[in-house]
Protein backbone atom coordinates (compact mmCIF):
# COMPACT_ATOMS: atom_id res chain seq x y z
CA UNK A 1 14.67 -45.45 11.78
CA UNK A 2 15.19 -42.35 9.68
CA UNK A 3 15.59 -39.42 12.10
CA UNK A 4 14.92 -37.26 9.07
CA UNK A 5 14.15 -33.62 9.83
CA UNK A 6 11.48 -31.89 7.80
CA UNK A 7 10.29 -28.30 7.46
CA UNK A 8 8.84 -26.94 10.67
CA UNK A 9 6.70 -24.09 11.92
CA UNK A 10 7.58 -22.07 15.01
CA UNK A 11 5.11 -22.52 17.87
CA UNK A 12 6.91 -19.97 20.06
CA UNK A 13 9.03 -20.47 23.19
CA UNK A 14 11.66 -22.25 21.09
CA UNK A 15 9.30 -25.03 20.02
CA UNK A 16 9.31 -26.17 16.40
CA UNK A 17 6.63 -28.43 14.94
CA UNK A 18 6.71 -30.45 11.75
CA UNK A 19 3.24 -30.75 10.30
CA UNK A 20 2.01 -34.30 9.80
CA UNK A 21 1.52 -33.57 6.10
CA UNK A 22 5.23 -32.69 5.73
CA UNK A 23 6.33 -35.76 7.70
CA UNK A 24 4.01 -38.00 5.69
CA UNK A 25 5.36 -36.61 2.40
CA UNK A 26 8.96 -37.20 3.55
CA UNK A 27 8.03 -40.70 4.71
CA UNK A 28 6.60 -41.62 1.32
CA UNK A 29 9.56 -40.02 -0.47
CA UNK A 30 12.03 -42.08 1.59
CA UNK A 31 10.19 -45.40 1.47
CA UNK A 32 9.28 -47.10 -1.78
CA UNK A 33 7.32 -49.83 -0.07
CA UNK A 34 5.53 -48.27 2.84
CA UNK A 35 2.12 -48.28 4.40
CA UNK A 36 0.12 -46.09 6.78
CA UNK A 37 -3.02 -47.71 8.18
CA UNK A 38 -5.50 -46.37 10.70
CA UNK A 39 -8.27 -47.96 12.72
CA UNK A 40 -10.89 -46.37 14.90
CA UNK A 41 -12.78 -47.67 17.91
CA UNK A 42 -15.63 -46.04 19.83
CA UNK A 43 -15.92 -46.89 23.50
CA UNK A 44 -17.82 -45.24 26.36
CA UNK A 45 -18.06 -41.83 24.67
CA UNK A 46 -14.46 -41.87 23.52
CA UNK A 47 -12.86 -42.40 20.13
CA UNK A 48 -9.51 -44.19 19.93
CA UNK A 49 -7.43 -44.07 16.77
CA UNK A 50 -4.52 -46.40 16.14
CA UNK A 51 -2.12 -45.62 13.30
CA UNK A 52 0.41 -48.15 12.06
CA UNK A 53 3.35 -47.10 9.88
CA UNK A 54 5.17 -49.95 8.14
CA UNK A 55 8.56 -49.75 6.43
CA UNK A 56 11.29 -52.23 5.57
CA UNK A 57 12.87 -51.29 8.91
CA UNK A 58 9.86 -52.12 11.04
CA UNK A 59 6.37 -51.30 12.18
CA UNK A 60 5.59 -48.26 14.34
CA UNK A 61 2.34 -47.46 16.12
CA UNK A 62 0.77 -44.25 17.41
CA UNK A 63 -2.50 -43.68 19.25
CA UNK A 64 -4.87 -40.81 19.88
CA UNK A 65 -7.91 -40.70 22.13
CA UNK A 66 -10.51 -38.02 22.84
CA UNK A 67 -14.15 -37.56 23.72
CA UNK A 68 -16.62 -38.01 20.89
CA UNK A 69 -18.23 -34.62 20.36
CA UNK A 70 -19.72 -35.08 16.88
CA UNK A 71 -17.54 -32.59 15.01
CA UNK A 72 -16.06 -33.95 11.80
CA UNK A 73 -12.86 -31.91 12.05
CA UNK A 74 -12.29 -33.08 15.62
CA UNK A 75 -12.61 -36.69 14.43
CA UNK A 76 -10.16 -36.08 11.57
CA UNK A 77 -7.76 -34.32 13.95
CA UNK A 78 -7.59 -37.39 16.19
CA UNK A 79 -6.67 -39.59 13.22
CA UNK A 80 -3.97 -37.11 12.17
CA UNK A 81 -2.55 -37.06 15.71
CA UNK A 82 -2.27 -40.85 15.73
CA UNK A 83 -0.53 -40.84 12.32
CA UNK A 84 1.83 -38.08 13.48
CA UNK A 85 2.82 -40.06 16.57
CA UNK A 86 3.44 -43.22 14.51
CA UNK A 87 5.61 -41.22 12.08
CA UNK A 88 7.53 -39.73 15.01
CA UNK A 89 8.24 -43.20 16.37
CA UNK A 90 9.45 -44.15 12.87
CA UNK A 91 11.96 -41.27 13.07
CA UNK A 92 10.13 -38.45 11.28
CA UNK A 93 10.50 -35.74 13.91
CA UNK A 94 10.69 -31.97 14.15
CA UNK A 95 12.99 -31.50 17.12
CA UNK A 96 13.74 -34.97 18.38
CA UNK A 97 10.69 -34.93 20.64
CA UNK A 98 7.52 -36.98 20.44
CA UNK A 99 4.36 -35.06 21.38
CA UNK A 100 2.86 -36.08 24.69
CA UNK A 101 0.71 -34.67 27.47
CA UNK A 102 3.78 -33.24 29.22
């Protein structure tokens, strides 16, 4: 695991967030042989994305689920959330926290 910090944006109330694009760039920079894969499943009006990040140090998975509402950007956002969670589990964090419903 990397625990590499990347550039963040301030969300207010002392919360910093590292954009998935910045974490992904750092991930690729740090890992010669790496892979990010996503899959998508539709079930009962919901879309579930699974992202898998693979490095020499292991495989890390993140998920995202939401209602299917037919908006392209919403669909893309769910994939990005899953990738961001997988990258966080692989050690590419903003503040040491992994986003959750809390």
